[in-house]
Amino acid sequence: MAGKIKTEAARKPKKPKMRAGASISGACLCGAVEVETEVPVFWAWHDHSAVTRRAHGAAYATYVGCWKSKVRVVKGQATIASYVDAERKQVRCF
C-alpha cells in the first residue's frame, strides 16, 4: 500500500556514528589510575553481582572488551601492580 506509515517497531534504529580517533576513558574509584581506548570496542557490560560490589566497593563495575594494543594508561602507571599465577597462566593487575 503506497503511503503506508511505518510503526515504531518497524523502523530501524540509527547507529551512532563514531568519528575516527574517538576514544572512551575510565578510572578507578579513587582516581589514581585513568585509562582510555579507541572506539568502537567489541563489547561492554555492567556487572552488578555481589562479588563485584564487594571487590570494587561500588554498585557495579563496567567491563569493556578491546584490543590490548589500543589501551593507554593516561595516569597512574606507577600505582598499577601485577601478579602472575604461573599455575593458571594468568596475570592479574591491581
PDB file of N, CA and C in Angstrom:
ATOM      1  N   MET A   1       0.844  -1.179   0.000  1.00  0.00           N
ATOM      2  CA  MET A   1       0.000   0.000   0.000  1.00  0.00           C
ATOM      3  C   MET A   1       0.884   1.235   0.000  1.00  0.00           C
ATOM      4  N   ALA A   2       0.719   2.078  -0.981  1.00  0.00           N
ATOM      5  CA  ALA A   2       1.517   3.299  -1.105  1.00  0.00           C
ATOM      6  C   ALA A   2       1.180   4.263   0.022  1.00  0.00           C
ATOM      7  N   GLY A   3       2.207   4.949   0.521  1.00  0.00           N
ATOM      8  CA  GLY A   3       1.993   5.943   1.569  1.00  0.00           C
ATOM      9  C   GLY A   3       1.724   5.329   2.936  1.00  0.00           C
ATOM     10  N   LYS A   4       2.043   4.060   3.121  1.00  0.00           N
ATOM     11  CA  LYS A   4       1.811   3.394   4.403  1.00  0.00           C
ATOM     12  C   LYS A   4       2.749   3.975   5.466  1.00  0.00           C
ATOM     13  N   ILE A   5       2.227   4.253   6.639  1.00  0.00           N
ATOM     14  CA  ILE A   5       3.015   4.818   7.723  1.00  0.00           C
ATOM     15  C   ILE A   5       3.693   3.680   8.470  1.00  0.00           C
ATOM     16  N   LYS A   6       5.003   3.795   8.676  1.00  0.00           N
ATOM     17  CA  LYS A   6       5.746   2.771   9.409  1.00  0.00           C
ATOM     18  C   LYS A   6       5.477   2.918  10.903  1.00  0.00           C
ATOM     19  N   THR A   7       5.314   1.805  11.570  1.00  0.00           N
ATOM     20  CA  THR A   7       5.159   1.839  13.022  1.00  0.00           C
ATOM     21  C   THR A   7       6.534   1.977  13.649  1.00  0.00           C
ATOM     22  N   GLU A   8       6.602   2.343  14.920  1.00  0.00           N
ATOM     23  CA  GLU A   8       7.870   2.486  15.629  1.00  0.00           C
ATOM     24  C   GLU A   8       8.666   1.189  15.596  1.00  0.00           C
ATOM     25  N   ALA A   9       7.998   0.047  15.759  1.00  0.00           N
ATOM     26  CA  ALA A   9       8.682  -1.242  15.773  1.00  0.00           C
ATOM     27  C   ALA A   9       9.303  -1.572  14.420  1.00  0.00           C
ATOM     28  N   ALA A  10       8.727  -1.083  13.345  1.00  0.00           N
ATOM     29  CA  ALA A  10       9.221  -1.392  12.014  1.00  0.00           C
ATOM     30  C   ALA A  10      10.410  -0.518  11.610  1.00  0.00           C
ATOM     31  N   ARG A  11      10.612   0.593  12.282  1.00  0.00           N
ATOM     32  CA  ARG A  11      11.722   1.486  11.957  1.00  0.00           C
ATOM     33  C   ARG A  11      13.032   0.928  12.500  1.00  0.00           C
ATOM     34  N   LYS A  12      14.064   1.047  11.709  1.00  0.00           N
ATOM     35  CA  LYS A  12      15.382   0.614  12.145  1.00  0.00           C
ATOM     36  C   LYS A  12      16.028   1.736  12.950  1.00  0.00           C
ATOM     37  N   PRO A  13      16.567   1.409  14.137  1.00  0.00           N
ATOM     38  CA  PRO A  13      17.245   2.467  14.887  1.00  0.00           C
ATOM     39  C   PRO A  13      18.523   2.871  14.177  1.00  0.00           C
ATOM     40  N   LYS A  14      18.841   4.144  14.235  1.00  0.00           N
ATOM     41  CA  LYS A  14      20.060   4.641  13.615  1.00  0.00           C
ATOM     42  C   LYS A  14      21.242   4.331  14.520  1.00  0.00           C
ATOM     43  N   LYS A  15      22.326   3.859  13.910  1.00  0.00           N
ATOM     44  CA  LYS A  15      23.546   3.606  14.662  1.00  0.00           C
ATOM     45  C   LYS A  15      24.254   4.929  14.904  1.00  0.00           C
ATOM     46  N   PRO A  16      24.776   5.111  16.134  1.00  0.00           N
ATOM     47  CA  PRO A  16      25.542   6.337  16.361  1.00  0.00           C
ATOM     48  C   PRO A  16      26.820   6.290  15.529  1.00  0.00           C
ATOM     49  N   LYS A  17      27.212   7.410  14.997  1.00  0.00           N
ATOM     50  CA  LYS A  17      28.423   7.467  14.187  1.00  0.00           C
ATOM     51  C   LYS A  17      29.606   7.828  15.067  1.00  0.00           C
ATOM     52  N   MET A  18      30.652   7.017  14.969  1.00  0.00           N
ATOM     53  CA  MET A  18      31.879   7.272  15.717  1.00  0.00           C
ATOM     54  C   MET A  18      32.873   7.944  14.791  1.00  0.00           C
ATOM     55  N   ARG A  19      33.435   9.015  15.234  1.00  0.00           N
ATOM     56  CA  ARG A  19      34.421   9.682  14.410  1.00  0.00           C
ATOM     57  C   ARG A  19      35.770   8.997  14.570  1.00  0.00           C
ATOM     58  N   ALA A  20      36.576   9.029  13.547  1.00  0.00           N
ATOM     59  CA  ALA A  20      37.893   8.394  13.566  1.00  0.00           C
ATOM     60  C   ALA A  20      38.724   8.972  14.699  1.00  0.00           C
ATOM     61  N   GLY A  21      39.373   8.108  15.444  1.00  0.00           N
ATOM     62  CA  GLY A  21      40.221   8.552  16.545  1.00  0.00           C
ATOM     63  C   GLY A  21      39.468   8.835  17.835  1.00  0.00           C
ATOM     64  N   ALA A  22      38.162   8.598  17.877  1.00  0.00           N
ATOM     65  CA  ALA A  22      37.394   8.832  19.106  1.00  0.00           C
ATOM     66  C   ALA A  22      37.824   7.825  20.160  1.00  0.00           C
ATOM     67  N   SER A  23      37.722   8.200  21.423  1.00  0.00           N
ATOM     68  CA  SER A  23      38.115   7.289  22.495  1.00  0.00           C
ATOM     69  C   SER A  23      37.154   7.390  23.671  1.00  0.00           C
ATOM     70  N   ILE A  24      37.216   6.371  24.524  1.00  0.00           N
ATOM     71  CA  ILE A  24      36.469   6.370  25.775  1.00  0.00           C
ATOM     72  C   ILE A  24      37.477   6.229  26.901  1.00  0.00           C
ATOM     73  N   SER A  25      37.101   6.674  28.084  1.00  0.00           N
ATOM     74  CA  SER A  25      38.039   6.607  29.201  1.00  0.00           C
ATOM     75  C   SER A  25      37.362   6.033  30.431  1.00  0.00           C
ATOM     76  N   GLY A  26      38.183   5.588  31.344  1.00  0.00           N
ATOM     77  CA  GLY A  26      37.701   5.041  32.604  1.00  0.00           C
ATOM     78  C   GLY A  26      38.734   5.300  33.683  1.00  0.00           C
ATOM     79  N   ALA A  27      38.307   5.158  34.932  1.00  0.00           N
ATOM     80  CA  ALA A  27      39.211   5.403  36.052  1.00  0.00           C
ATOM     81  C   ALA A  27      38.801   4.555  37.242  1.00  0.00           C
ATOM     82  N   CYS A  28      39.746   4.357  38.144  1.00  0.00           N
ATOM     83  CA  CYS A  28      39.413   3.662  39.384  1.00  0.00           C
ATOM     84  C   CYS A  28      38.611   4.636  40.267  1.00  0.00           C
ATOM     85  N   LEU A  29      38.014   4.119  41.322  1.00  0.00           N
ATOM     86  CA  LEU A  29      37.174   4.958  42.172  1.00  0.00           C
ATOM     87  C   LEU A  29      37.935   6.101  42.842  1.00  0.00           C
ATOM     88  N   CYS A  30      39.189   5.853  43.216  1.00  0.00           N
ATOM     89  CA  CYS A  30      39.945   6.914  43.894  1.00  0.00           C
ATOM     90  C   CYS A  30      40.542   7.914  42.909  1.00  0.00           C
ATOM     91  N   GLY A  31      40.542   7.577  41.613  1.00  0.00           N
ATOM     92  CA  GLY A  31      41.057   8.485  40.604  1.00  0.00           C
ATOM     93  C   GLY A  31      42.557   8.393  40.382  1.00  0.00           C
ATOM     94  N   ALA A  32      43.241   7.447  41.042  1.00  0.00           N
ATOM     95  CA  ALA A  32      44.691   7.327  40.902  1.00  0.00           C
ATOM     96  C   ALA A  32      45.093   6.816  39.520  1.00  0.00           C
ATOM     97  N   VAL A  33      44.243   5.979  38.915  1.00  0.00           N
ATOM     98  CA  VAL A  33      44.564   5.397  37.611  1.00  0.00           C
ATOM     99  C   VAL A  33      43.479   5.770  36.615  1.00  0.00           C
ATOM    100  N   GLU A  34      43.901   6.238  35.449  1.00  0.00           N
ATOM    101  CA  GLU A  34      42.980   6.538  34.351  1.00  0.00           C
ATOM    102  C   GLU A  34      43.480   5.835  33.097  1.00  0.00           C
ATOM    103  N   VAL A  35      42.548   5.236  32.351  1.00  0.00           N
ATOM    104  CA  VAL A  35      42.887   4.564  31.102  1.00  0.00           C
ATOM    105  C   VAL A  35      41.953   5.044  30.005  1.00  0.00           C
ATOM    106  N   GLU A  36      42.364   4.837  28.762  1.00  0.00           N
ATOM    107  CA  GLU A  36      41.487   5.140  27.646  1.00  0.00           C
ATOM    108  C   GLU A  36      41.753   4.158  26.520  1.00  0.00           C
ATOM    109  N   THR A  37      40.758   3.981  25.658  1.00  0.00           N
ATOM    110  CA  THR A  37      40.890   3.118  24.492  1.00  0.00           C
ATOM    111  C   THR A  37      40.094   3.718  23.343  1.00  0.00           C
ATOM    112  N   GLU A  38      40.462   3.332  22.150  1.00  0.00           N
ATOM    113  CA  GLU A  38      39.743   3.800  20.972  1.00  0.00           C
ATOM    114  C   GLU A  38      38.424   3.052  20.820  1.00  0.00           C
ATOM    115  N   VAL A  39      37.460   3.680  20.204  1.00  0.00           N
ATOM    116  CA  VAL A  39      36.180   3.042  19.896  1.00  0.00           C
ATOM    117  C   VAL A  39      36.109   2.822  18.395  1.00  0.00           C
ATOM    118  N   PRO A  40      35.327   1.883  17.948  1.00  0.00           N
ATOM    119  CA  PRO A  40      34.424   1.040  18.725  1.00  0.00           C
ATOM    120  C   PRO A  40      35.177  -0.080  19.436  1.00  0.00           C
ATOM    121  N   VAL A  41      34.550  -0.624  20.481  1.00  0.00           N
ATOM    122  CA  VAL A  41      35.076  -1.769  21.211  1.00  0.00           C
ATOM    123  C   VAL A  41      34.256  -2.995  20.829  1.00  0.00           C
ATOM    124  N   PHE A  42      34.695  -4.184  21.249  1.00  0.00           N
ATOM    125  CA  PHE A  42      33.986  -5.420  20.897  1.00  0.00           C
ATOM    126  C   PHE A  42      32.682  -5.581  21.676  1.00  0.00           C
ATOM    127  N   TRP A  43      32.737  -5.319  22.986  1.00  0.00           N
ATOM    128  CA  TRP A  43      31.571  -5.491  23.844  1.00  0.00           C
ATOM    129  C   TRP A  43      31.766  -4.666  25.108  1.00  0.00           C
ATOM    130  N   ALA A  44      30.704  -4.469  25.846  1.00  0.00           N
ATOM    131  CA  ALA A  44      30.762  -3.793  27.141  1.00  0.00           C
ATOM    132  C   ALA A  44      29.602  -4.278  27.990  1.00  0.00           C
ATOM    133  N   TRP A  45      29.810  -4.370  29.297  1.00  0.00           N
ATOM    134  CA  TRP A  45      28.703  -4.724  30.176  1.00  0.00           C
ATOM    135  C   TRP A  45      28.934  -4.168  31.572  1.00  0.00           C
ATOM    136  N   HIS A  46      27.850  -4.017  32.318  1.00  0.00           N
ATOM    137  CA  HIS A  46      27.884  -3.578  33.709  1.00  0.00           C
ATOM    138  C   HIS A  46      27.613  -4.791  34.574  1.00  0.00           C
ATOM    139  N   ASP A  47      28.532  -5.088  35.472  1.00  0.00           N
ATOM    140  CA  ASP A  47      28.397  -6.236  36.367  1.00  0.00           C
ATOM    141  C   ASP A  47      27.893  -5.747  37.721  1.00  0.00           C
ATOM    142  N   HIS A  48      26.692  -6.185  38.088  1.00  0.00           N
ATOM    143  CA  HIS A  48      26.060  -5.770  39.348  1.00  0.00           C
ATOM    144  C   HIS A  48      26.139  -6.868  40.410  1.00  0.00           C
ATOM    145  N   SER A  49      26.935  -7.910  40.189  1.00  0.00           N
ATOM    146  CA  SER A  49      26.969  -9.050  41.109  1.00  0.00           C
ATOM    147  C   SER A  49      27.516  -8.652  42.478  1.00  0.00           C
ATOM    148  N   ALA A  50      27.176  -9.453  43.490  1.00  0.00           N
ATOM    149  CA  ALA A  50      27.641  -9.196  44.853  1.00  0.00           C
ATOM    150  C   ALA A  50      29.166  -9.254  44.932  1.00  0.00           C
ATOM    151  N   VAL A  51      29.772 -10.172  44.208  1.00  0.00           N
ATOM    152  CA  VAL A  51      31.235 -10.286  44.203  1.00  0.00           C
ATOM    153  C   VAL A  51      31.864  -8.999  43.688  1.00  0.00           C
ATOM    154  N   THR A  52      31.337  -8.473  42.607  1.00  0.00           N
ATOM    155  CA  THR A  52      31.869  -7.232  42.039  1.00  0.00           C
ATOM    156  C   THR A  52      31.641  -6.063  42.984  1.00  0.00           C
ATOM    157  N   ARG A  53      30.475  -5.991  43.598  1.00  0.00           N
ATOM    158  CA  ARG A  53      30.204  -4.888  44.529  1.00  0.00           C
ATOM    159  C   ARG A  53      31.190  -4.904  45.688  1.00  0.00           C
ATOM    160  N   ARG A  54      31.495  -6.090  46.235  1.00  0.00           N
ATOM    161  CA  ARG A  54      32.465  -6.180  47.328  1.00  0.00           C
ATOM    162  C   ARG A  54      33.882  -5.859  46.843  1.00  0.00           C
ATOM    163  N   ALA A  55      34.265  -6.386  45.689  1.00  0.00           N
ATOM    164  CA  ALA A  55      35.627  -6.187  45.183  1.00  0.00           C
ATOM    165  C   ALA A  55      35.903  -4.736  44.815  1.00  0.00           C
ATOM    166  N   HIS A  56      34.906  -4.054  44.266  1.00  0.00           N
ATOM    167  CA  HIS A  56      35.105  -2.697  43.778  1.00  0.00           C
ATOM    168  C   HIS A  56      34.606  -1.627  44.737  1.00  0.00           C
ATOM    169  N   GLY A  57      33.771  -2.002  45.687  1.00  0.00           N
ATOM    170  CA  GLY A  57      33.229  -1.010  46.605  1.00  0.00           C
ATOM    171  C   GLY A  57      32.262  -0.060  45.931  1.00  0.00           C
ATOM    172  N   ALA A  58      31.644  -0.513  44.847  1.00  0.00           N
ATOM    173  CA  ALA A  58      30.702   0.319  44.098  1.00  0.00           C
ATOM    174  C   ALA A  58      29.491  -0.521  43.718  1.00  0.00           C
ATOM    175  N   ALA A  59      28.446   0.107  43.238  1.00  0.00           N
ATOM    176  CA  ALA A  59      27.213  -0.599  42.874  1.00  0.00           C
ATOM    177  C   ALA A  59      27.417  -1.523  41.675  1.00  0.00           C
ATOM    178  N   TYR A  60      28.362  -1.196  40.804  1.00  0.00           N
ATOM    179  CA  TYR A  60      28.648  -2.039  39.647  1.00  0.00           C
ATOM    180  C   TYR A  60      30.024  -1.680  39.088  1.00  0.00           C
ATOM    181  N   ALA A  61      30.532  -2.547  38.248  1.00  0.00           N
ATOM    182  CA  ALA A  61      31.767  -2.285  37.512  1.00  0.00           C
ATOM    183  C   ALA A  61      31.456  -2.445  36.035  1.00  0.00           C
ATOM    184  N   THR A  62      32.071  -1.621  35.221  1.00  0.00           N
ATOM    185  CA  THR A  62      31.877  -1.706  33.784  1.00  0.00           C
ATOM    186  C   THR A  62      33.109  -2.343  33.170  1.00  0.00           C
ATOM    187  N   TYR A  63      32.877  -3.351  32.350  1.00  0.00           N
ATOM    188  CA  TYR A  63      33.961  -4.042  31.652  1.00  0.00           C
ATOM    189  C   TYR A  63      33.807  -3.801  30.158  1.00  0.00           C
ATOM    190  N   VAL A  64      34.934  -3.626  29.477  1.00  0.00           N
ATOM    191  CA  VAL A  64      34.933  -3.354  28.043  1.00  0.00           C
ATOM    192  C   VAL A  64      35.937  -4.282  27.377  1.00  0.00           C
ATOM    193  N   GLY A  65      35.518  -4.930  26.288  1.00  0.00           N
ATOM    194  CA  GLY A  65      36.414  -5.793  25.526  1.00  0.00           C
ATOM    195  C   GLY A  65      37.027  -5.013  24.372  1.00  0.00           C
ATOM    196  N   CYS A  66      38.350  -4.949  24.360  1.00  0.00           N
ATOM    197  CA  CYS A  66      39.036  -4.208  23.308  1.00  0.00           C
ATOM    198  C   CYS A  66      40.422  -4.807  23.102  1.00  0.00           C
ATOM    199  N   TRP A  67      41.095  -4.379  22.059  1.00  0.00           N
ATOM    200  CA  TRP A  67      42.454  -4.832  21.806  1.00  0.00           C
ATOM    201  C   TRP A  67      43.388  -4.228  22.843  1.00  0.00           C
ATOM    202  N   LYS A  68      44.260  -5.049  23.427  1.00  0.00           N
ATOM    203  CA  LYS A  68      45.226  -4.576  24.418  1.00  0.00           C
ATOM    204  C   LYS A  68      46.091  -3.459  23.839  1.00  0.00           C
ATOM    205  N   SER A  69      46.420  -3.572  22.559  1.00  0.00           N
ATOM    206  CA  SER A  69      47.281  -2.567  21.920  1.00  0.00           C
ATOM    207  C   SER A  69      46.608  -1.196  21.811  1.00  0.00           C
ATOM    208  N   LYS A  70      45.298  -1.140  21.975  1.00  0.00           N
ATOM    209  CA  LYS A  70      44.563   0.125  21.861  1.00  0.00           C
ATOM    210  C   LYS A  70      44.380   0.824  23.205  1.00  0.00           C
ATOM    211  N   VAL A  71      44.761   0.159  24.314  1.00  0.00           N
ATOM    212  CA  VAL A  71      44.569   0.715  25.661  1.00  0.00           C
ATOM    213  C   VAL A  71      45.791   1.521  26.071  1.00  0.00           C
ATOM    214  N   ARG A  72      45.548   2.711  26.618  1.00  0.00           N
ATOM    215  CA  ARG A  72      46.617   3.570  27.110  1.00  0.00           C
ATOM    216  C   ARG A  72      46.355   3.938  28.568  1.00  0.00           C
ATOM    217  N   VAL A  73      47.386   3.866  29.395  1.00  0.00           N
ATOM    218  CA  VAL A  73      47.279   4.344  30.771  1.00  0.00           C
ATOM    219  C   VAL A  73      47.614   5.831  30.720  1.00  0.00           C
ATOM    220  N   VAL A  74      46.623   6.638  31.009  1.00  0.00           N
ATOM    221  CA  VAL A  74      46.775   8.091  30.931  1.00  0.00           C
ATOM    222  C   VAL A  74      47.397   8.642  32.208  1.00  0.00           C
ATOM    223  N   LYS A  75      47.077   8.005  33.337  1.00  0.00           N
ATOM    224  CA  LYS A  75      47.533   8.495  34.635  1.00  0.00           C
ATOM    225  C   LYS A  75      47.675   7.310  35.588  1.00  0.00           C
ATOM    226  N   GLY A  76      48.718   7.297  36.399  1.00  0.00           N
ATOM    227  CA  GLY A  76      48.846   6.324  37.467  1.00  0.00           C
ATOM    228  C   GLY A  76      49.552   5.018  37.132  1.00  0.00           C
ATOM    229  N   GLN A  77      50.348   4.971  36.085  1.00  0.00           N
ATOM    230  CA  GLN A  77      51.045   3.738  35.697  1.00  0.00           C
ATOM    231  C   GLN A  77      51.828   3.151  36.878  1.00  0.00           C
ATOM    232  N   ALA A  78      52.463   3.986  37.677  1.00  0.00           N
ATOM    233  CA  ALA A  78      53.300   3.521  38.787  1.00  0.00           C
ATOM    234  C   ALA A  78      52.494   2.863  39.903  1.00  0.00           C
ATOM    235  N   THR A  79      51.196   3.134  39.976  1.00  0.00           N
ATOM    236  CA  THR A  79      50.382   2.562  41.056  1.00  0.00           C
ATOM    237  C   THR A  79      49.751   1.232  40.671  1.00  0.00           C
ATOM    238  N   ILE A  80      49.939   0.778  39.427  1.00  0.00           N
ATOM    239  CA  ILE A  80      49.379  -0.499  38.986  1.00  0.00           C
ATOM    240  C   ILE A  80      50.350  -1.613  39.346  1.00  0.00           C
ATOM    241  N   ALA A  81      49.853  -2.636  40.032  1.00  0.00           N
ATOM    242  CA  ALA A  81      50.666  -3.785  40.407  1.00  0.00           C
ATOM    243  C   ALA A  81      50.141  -5.021  39.677  1.00  0.00           C
ATOM    244  N   SER A  82      51.038  -5.962  39.363  1.00  0.00           N
ATOM    245  CA  SER A  82      50.653  -7.189  38.666  1.00  0.00           C
ATOM    246  C   SER A  82      51.023  -8.416  39.483  1.00  0.00           C
ATOM    247  N   TYR A  83      50.244  -9.458  39.330  1.00  0.00           N
ATOM    248  CA  TYR A  83      50.510 -10.742  39.961  1.00  0.00           C
ATOM    249  C   TYR A  83      50.404 -11.803  38.880  1.00  0.00           C
ATOM    250  N   VAL A  84      51.449 -12.624  38.745  1.00  0.00           N
ATOM    251  CA  VAL A  84      51.455 -13.678  37.747  1.00  0.00           C
ATOM    252  C   VAL A  84      51.193 -15.006  38.447  1.00  0.00           C
ATOM    253  N   ASP A  85      50.104 -15.676  38.047  1.00  0.00           N
ATOM    254  CA  ASP A  85      49.772 -17.001  38.563  1.00  0.00           C
ATOM    255  C   ASP A  85      50.285 -18.013  37.539  1.00  0.00           C
ATOM    256  N   ALA A  86      51.492 -18.544  37.793  1.00  0.00           N
ATOM    257  CA  ALA A  86      52.139 -19.448  36.826  1.00  0.00           C
ATOM    258  C   ALA A  86      51.340 -20.734  36.628  1.00  0.00           C
ATOM    259  N   GLU A  87      50.704 -21.213  37.679  1.00  0.00           N
ATOM    260  CA  GLU A  87      49.932 -22.454  37.586  1.00  0.00           C
ATOM    261  C   GLU A  87      48.756 -22.301  36.625  1.00  0.00           C
ATOM    262  N   ARG A  88      48.059 -21.203  36.718  1.00  0.00           N
ATOM    263  CA  ARG A  88      46.886 -20.957  35.850  1.00  0.00           C
ATOM    264  C   ARG A  88      47.248 -20.182  34.593  1.00  0.00           C
ATOM    265  N   LYS A  89      48.481 -19.745  34.491  1.00  0.00           N
ATOM    266  CA  LYS A  89      48.952 -18.957  33.341  1.00  0.00           C
ATOM    267  C   LYS A  89      48.097 -17.709  33.140  1.00  0.00           C
ATOM    268  N   GLN A  90      47.900 -16.986  34.243  1.00  0.00           N
ATOM    269  CA  GLN A  90      47.099 -15.762  34.231  1.00  0.00           C
ATOM    270  C   GLN A  90      47.889 -14.614  34.859  1.00  0.00           C
ATOM    271  N   VAL A  91      47.594 -13.411  34.428  1.00  0.00           N
ATOM    272  CA  VAL A  91      48.152 -12.212  35.029  1.00  0.00           C
ATOM    273  C   VAL A  91      46.992 -11.377  35.534  1.00  0.00           C
ATOM    274  N   ARG A  92      47.073 -10.965  36.780  1.00  0.00           N
ATOM    275  CA  ARG A  92      46.057 -10.085  37.365  1.00  0.00           C
ATOM    276  C   ARG A  92      46.693  -8.753  37.652  1.00  0.00           C
ATOM    277  N   CYS A  93      46.036  -7.681  37.329  1.00  0.00           N
ATOM    278  CA  CYS A  93      46.548  -6.332  37.578  1.00  0.00           C
ATOM    279  C   CYS A  93      45.636  -5.627  38.577  1.00  0.00           C
ATOM    280  N   PHE A  94      46.257  -4.908  39.492  1.00  0.00           N
ATOM    281  CA  PHE A  94      45.502  -4.202  40.516  1.00  0.00           C
ATOM    282  C   PHE A  94      45.932  -2.750  40.573  1.00  0.00           C
TER     283      PHE A  94
END
